[in-house]
Amino acid sequence: MDQENKGNELDEQVQKINALHTELTSLQIQSKQKTIEIGGLLSTLWDELPYSGIDSWSKNSLAFSERTARMYMGSFAKKDKELWQNFKF
């Protein structure tokens, strides 16, 4: 393989790497946004439920554990800090 073909192949690989990185960054942001949205919805519902009914409601209604629900709500509570934390562009 000559130098020009090697250079083209390298350029294509670099472009693909950068495109994949951009896609992953976008997915990370979307994931954080959805986590915060779920947390907001759960926080609203949690406030409306009697304390004694939270456990049974979460077990019967949610596809995930109460612990996970609390993680979502925690993300919502600190949403301004969490959304952009750990992102390096």
N, C-alpha and C. Protein backbone atom coordinates (compact mmCIF):
# COMPACT_ATOMS: atom_id res chain seq x y z
N MET A 1 0.86 -1.19 0.00
CA MET A 1 0.00 0.00 0.00
C MET A 1 0.89 1.24 0.00
N ASP A 2 0.62 2.17 -0.87
CA ASP A 2 1.46 3.35 -0.94
C ASP A 2 1.07 4.38 0.13
N GLN A 3 1.89 5.38 0.29
CA GLN A 3 1.71 6.40 1.34
C GLN A 3 0.37 7.12 1.23
N GLU A 4 -0.04 7.43 0.00
CA GLU A 4 -1.29 8.17 -0.19
C GLU A 4 -2.49 7.35 0.29
N ASN A 5 -2.52 6.07 -0.04
CA ASN A 5 -3.61 5.20 0.40
C ASN A 5 -3.61 5.04 1.91
N LYS A 6 -2.41 4.89 2.49
CA LYS A 6 -2.31 4.80 3.96
C LYS A 6 -2.84 6.07 4.61
N GLY A 7 -2.50 7.22 4.04
CA GLY A 7 -2.97 8.49 4.57
C GLY A 7 -4.48 8.62 4.48
N ASN A 8 -5.07 8.18 3.37
CA ASN A 8 -6.52 8.23 3.20
C ASN A 8 -7.22 7.31 4.20
N GLU A 9 -6.65 6.12 4.36
CA GLU A 9 -7.23 5.16 5.30
C GLU A 9 -7.16 5.71 6.73
N LEU A 10 -6.05 6.30 7.07
CA LEU A 10 -5.88 6.90 8.39
C LEU A 10 -6.89 8.04 8.59
N ASP A 11 -7.03 8.89 7.58
CA ASP A 11 -7.99 9.99 7.68
C ASP A 11 -9.41 9.48 7.89
N GLU A 12 -9.78 8.42 7.18
CA GLU A 12 -11.11 7.83 7.33
C GLU A 12 -11.32 7.28 8.74
N GLN A 13 -10.30 6.63 9.27
CA GLN A 13 -10.39 6.08 10.63
C GLN A 13 -10.53 7.20 11.66
N VAL A 14 -9.76 8.26 11.48
CA VAL A 14 -9.82 9.39 12.40
C VAL A 14 -11.20 10.04 12.34
N GLN A 15 -11.74 10.19 11.13
CA GLN A 15 -13.07 10.77 10.98
C GLN A 15 -14.12 9.91 11.68
N LYS A 16 -14.01 8.59 11.53
CA LYS A 16 -14.95 7.68 12.18
C LYS A 16 -14.83 7.77 13.70
N ILE A 17 -13.61 7.80 14.20
CA ILE A 17 -13.39 7.93 15.65
C ILE A 17 -14.03 9.20 16.17
N ASN A 18 -13.79 10.31 15.49
CA ASN A 18 -14.36 11.59 15.93
C ASN A 18 -15.88 11.60 15.84
N ALA A 19 -16.44 10.98 14.80
CA ALA A 19 -17.89 10.90 14.66
C ALA A 19 -18.50 10.06 15.79
N LEU A 20 -17.86 8.94 16.10
CA LEU A 20 -18.34 8.09 17.19
C LEU A 20 -18.26 8.82 18.54
N HIS A 21 -17.19 9.56 18.74
CA HIS A 21 -17.05 10.34 19.97
C HIS A 21 -18.17 11.37 20.09
N THR A 22 -18.45 12.06 19.01
CA THR A 22 -19.53 13.06 19.00
C THR A 22 -20.87 12.40 19.30
N GLU A 23 -21.11 11.24 18.71
CA GLU A 23 -22.35 10.50 18.95
C GLU A 23 -22.46 10.08 20.41
N LEU A 24 -21.38 9.57 20.98
CA LEU A 24 -21.40 9.17 22.39
C LEU A 24 -21.66 10.35 23.32
N THR A 25 -21.05 11.48 23.02
CA THR A 25 -21.26 12.68 23.83
C THR A 25 -22.73 13.07 23.80
N SER A 26 -23.32 13.02 22.63
CA SER A 26 -24.74 13.34 22.48
C SER A 26 -25.61 12.36 23.27
N LEU A 27 -25.27 11.08 23.20
CA LEU A 27 -26.03 10.07 23.94
C LEU A 27 -25.89 10.26 25.45
N GLN A 28 -24.71 10.66 25.89
CA GLN A 28 -24.52 10.91 27.33
C GLN A 28 -25.41 12.06 27.79
N ILE A 29 -25.47 13.10 27.00
CA ILE A 29 -26.29 14.26 27.35
C ILE A 29 -27.76 13.86 27.35
N GLN A 30 -28.19 13.11 26.34
CA GLN A 30 -29.58 12.65 26.28
C GLN A 30 -29.91 11.77 27.47
N SER A 31 -28.99 10.90 27.83
CA SER A 31 -29.20 10.01 28.97
C SER A 31 -29.38 10.81 30.26
N LYS A 32 -28.52 11.81 30.47
CA LYS A 32 -28.64 12.66 31.66
C LYS A 32 -29.97 13.40 31.66
N GLN A 33 -30.36 13.92 30.49
CA GLN A 33 -31.62 14.66 30.40
C GLN A 33 -32.81 13.76 30.73
N LYS A 34 -32.80 12.54 30.23
CA LYS A 34 -33.90 11.60 30.50
C LYS A 34 -33.91 11.17 31.97
N THR A 35 -32.72 10.99 32.55
CA THR A 35 -32.63 10.65 33.97
C THR A 35 -33.26 11.76 34.81
N ILE A 36 -32.94 12.99 34.48
CA ILE A 36 -33.48 14.14 35.21
C ILE A 36 -34.99 14.26 35.00
N GLU A 37 -35.44 14.01 33.78
CA GLU A 37 -36.88 14.07 33.50
C GLU A 37 -37.65 13.02 34.30
N ILE A 38 -37.14 11.80 34.31
CA ILE A 38 -37.77 10.73 35.10
C ILE A 38 -37.79 11.13 36.57
N GLY A 39 -36.68 11.68 37.05
CA GLY A 39 -36.62 12.11 38.45
C GLY A 39 -37.65 13.17 38.77
N GLY A 40 -37.86 14.10 37.86
CA GLY A 40 -38.86 15.15 38.07
C GLY A 40 -40.27 14.57 38.13
N LEU A 41 -40.56 13.66 37.21
CA LEU A 41 -41.89 13.02 37.22
C LEU A 41 -42.10 12.22 38.50
N LEU A 42 -41.08 11.47 38.90
CA LEU A 42 -41.19 10.69 40.14
C LEU A 42 -41.33 11.59 41.36
N SER A 43 -40.60 12.68 41.39
CA SER A 43 -40.67 13.60 42.53
C SER A 43 -42.08 14.15 42.69
N THR A 44 -42.71 14.49 41.58
CA THR A 44 -44.08 14.99 41.63
C THR A 44 -45.02 13.93 42.15
N LEU A 45 -44.90 12.71 41.63
CA LEU A 45 -45.76 11.62 42.10
C LEU A 45 -45.51 11.30 43.56
N TRP A 46 -44.26 11.26 43.95
CA TRP A 46 -43.87 10.93 45.33
C TRP A 46 -44.52 11.91 46.30
N ASP A 47 -44.55 13.19 45.92
CA ASP A 47 -45.13 14.22 46.78
C ASP A 47 -46.64 14.03 46.94
N GLU A 48 -47.28 13.41 45.96
CA GLU A 48 -48.73 13.22 46.00
C GLU A 48 -49.15 11.95 46.73
N LEU A 49 -48.23 11.00 46.87
CA LEU A 49 -48.55 9.73 47.51
C LEU A 49 -48.41 9.83 49.02
N PRO A 50 -49.29 9.15 49.76
CA PRO A 50 -49.07 9.08 51.21
C PRO A 50 -47.80 8.28 51.48
N TYR A 51 -47.07 8.66 52.50
CA TYR A 51 -45.79 8.02 52.78
C TYR A 51 -45.94 6.50 52.90
N SER A 52 -47.01 6.06 53.52
CA SER A 52 -47.20 4.63 53.74
C SER A 52 -47.48 3.87 52.44
N GLY A 53 -47.86 4.58 51.38
CA GLY A 53 -48.18 3.90 50.14
C GLY A 53 -47.07 3.89 49.11
N ILE A 54 -45.98 4.56 49.40
CA ILE A 54 -44.89 4.67 48.42
C ILE A 54 -44.30 3.30 48.09
N ASP A 55 -44.03 2.51 49.10
CA ASP A 55 -43.39 1.22 48.89
C ASP A 55 -44.24 0.32 48.00
N SER A 56 -45.49 0.16 48.33
CA SER A 56 -46.34 -0.73 47.54
C SER A 56 -46.58 -0.16 46.14
N TRP A 57 -46.75 1.16 46.05
CA TRP A 57 -46.94 1.76 44.73
C TRP A 57 -45.73 1.52 43.84
N SER A 58 -44.55 1.76 44.36
CA SER A 58 -43.35 1.59 43.54
C SER A 58 -43.16 0.13 43.12
N LYS A 59 -43.43 -0.80 44.01
CA LYS A 59 -43.29 -2.23 43.67
C LYS A 59 -44.29 -2.66 42.61
N ASN A 60 -45.51 -2.12 42.68
CA ASN A 60 -46.56 -2.52 41.76
C ASN A 60 -46.57 -1.74 40.44
N SER A 61 -45.95 -0.59 40.42
CA SER A 61 -46.08 0.29 39.26
C SER A 61 -44.81 0.47 38.44
N LEU A 62 -43.68 0.44 39.09
CA LEU A 62 -42.43 0.77 38.40
C LEU A 62 -41.71 -0.48 37.91
N ALA A 63 -41.00 -0.34 36.80
CA ALA A 63 -40.22 -1.44 36.23
C ALA A 63 -38.82 -1.48 36.82
N PHE A 64 -38.60 -0.73 37.89
CA PHE A 64 -37.30 -0.67 38.54
C PHE A 64 -37.51 -0.50 40.04
N SER A 65 -36.44 -0.63 40.79
CA SER A 65 -36.53 -0.63 42.24
C SER A 65 -36.77 0.77 42.81
N GLU A 66 -37.18 0.79 44.06
CA GLU A 66 -37.34 2.07 44.75
C GLU A 66 -35.98 2.78 44.87
N ARG A 67 -34.95 2.01 45.04
CA ARG A 67 -33.59 2.59 45.11
C ARG A 67 -33.25 3.33 43.81
N THR A 68 -33.58 2.72 42.68
CA THR A 68 -33.35 3.37 41.39
C THR A 68 -34.20 4.63 41.28
N ALA A 69 -35.43 4.55 41.74
CA ALA A 69 -36.32 5.72 41.73
C ALA A 69 -35.71 6.86 42.54
N ARG A 70 -35.15 6.53 43.67
CA ARG A 70 -34.52 7.56 44.50
C ARG A 70 -33.27 8.15 43.83
N MET A 71 -32.57 7.32 43.06
CA MET A 71 -31.42 7.82 42.30
C MET A 71 -31.89 8.82 41.25
N TYR A 72 -32.98 8.48 40.56
CA TYR A 72 -33.54 9.41 39.57
C TYR A 72 -33.94 10.72 40.23
N MET A 73 -34.62 10.63 41.36
CA MET A 73 -35.08 11.84 42.04
C MET A 73 -33.90 12.66 42.55
N GLY A 74 -32.83 11.99 42.97
CA GLY A 74 -31.63 12.69 43.40
C GLY A 74 -30.99 13.46 42.24
N SER A 75 -31.01 12.85 41.07
CA SER A 75 -30.48 13.53 39.88
C SER A 75 -31.32 14.76 39.56
N PHE A 76 -32.63 14.64 39.72
CA PHE A 76 -33.51 15.78 39.48
C PHE A 76 -33.23 16.89 40.48
N ALA A 77 -33.05 16.52 41.73
CA ALA A 77 -32.83 17.52 42.79
C ALA A 77 -31.56 18.33 42.55
N LYS A 78 -30.56 17.71 41.97
CA LYS A 78 -29.31 18.44 41.71
C LYS A 78 -29.08 18.58 40.21
N LYS A 79 -30.16 18.80 39.47
CA LYS A 79 -30.11 18.79 38.01
C LYS A 79 -29.16 19.80 37.40
N ASP A 80 -29.10 21.00 37.94
CA ASP A 80 -28.25 22.02 37.32
C ASP A 80 -26.78 21.62 37.40
N LYS A 81 -26.39 21.02 38.49
CA LYS A 81 -25.01 20.58 38.65
C LYS A 81 -24.75 19.31 37.85
N GLU A 82 -25.69 18.36 37.88
CA GLU A 82 -25.49 17.05 37.27
C GLU A 82 -25.45 17.06 35.76
N LEU A 83 -26.25 17.92 35.16
CA LEU A 83 -26.39 17.85 33.72
C LEU A 83 -25.06 18.02 33.00
N TRP A 84 -24.22 18.90 33.48
CA TRP A 84 -22.97 19.17 32.77
C TRP A 84 -21.73 18.66 33.48
N GLN A 85 -21.90 18.11 34.66
CA GLN A 85 -20.76 17.58 35.38
C GLN A 85 -20.11 16.44 34.61
N ASN A 86 -18.83 16.39 34.62
CA ASN A 86 -18.03 15.32 34.01
C ASN A 86 -18.01 15.33 32.49
N PHE A 87 -18.59 16.33 31.85
CA PHE A 87 -18.50 16.40 30.41
C PHE A 87 -17.33 17.27 30.01
N LYS A 88 -16.52 16.74 29.16
CA LYS A 88 -15.37 17.49 28.65
C LYS A 88 -15.50 17.48 27.13
N PHE A 89 -15.72 18.65 26.58
CA PHE A 89 -15.93 18.74 25.13
C PHE A 89 -14.64 19.09 24.44
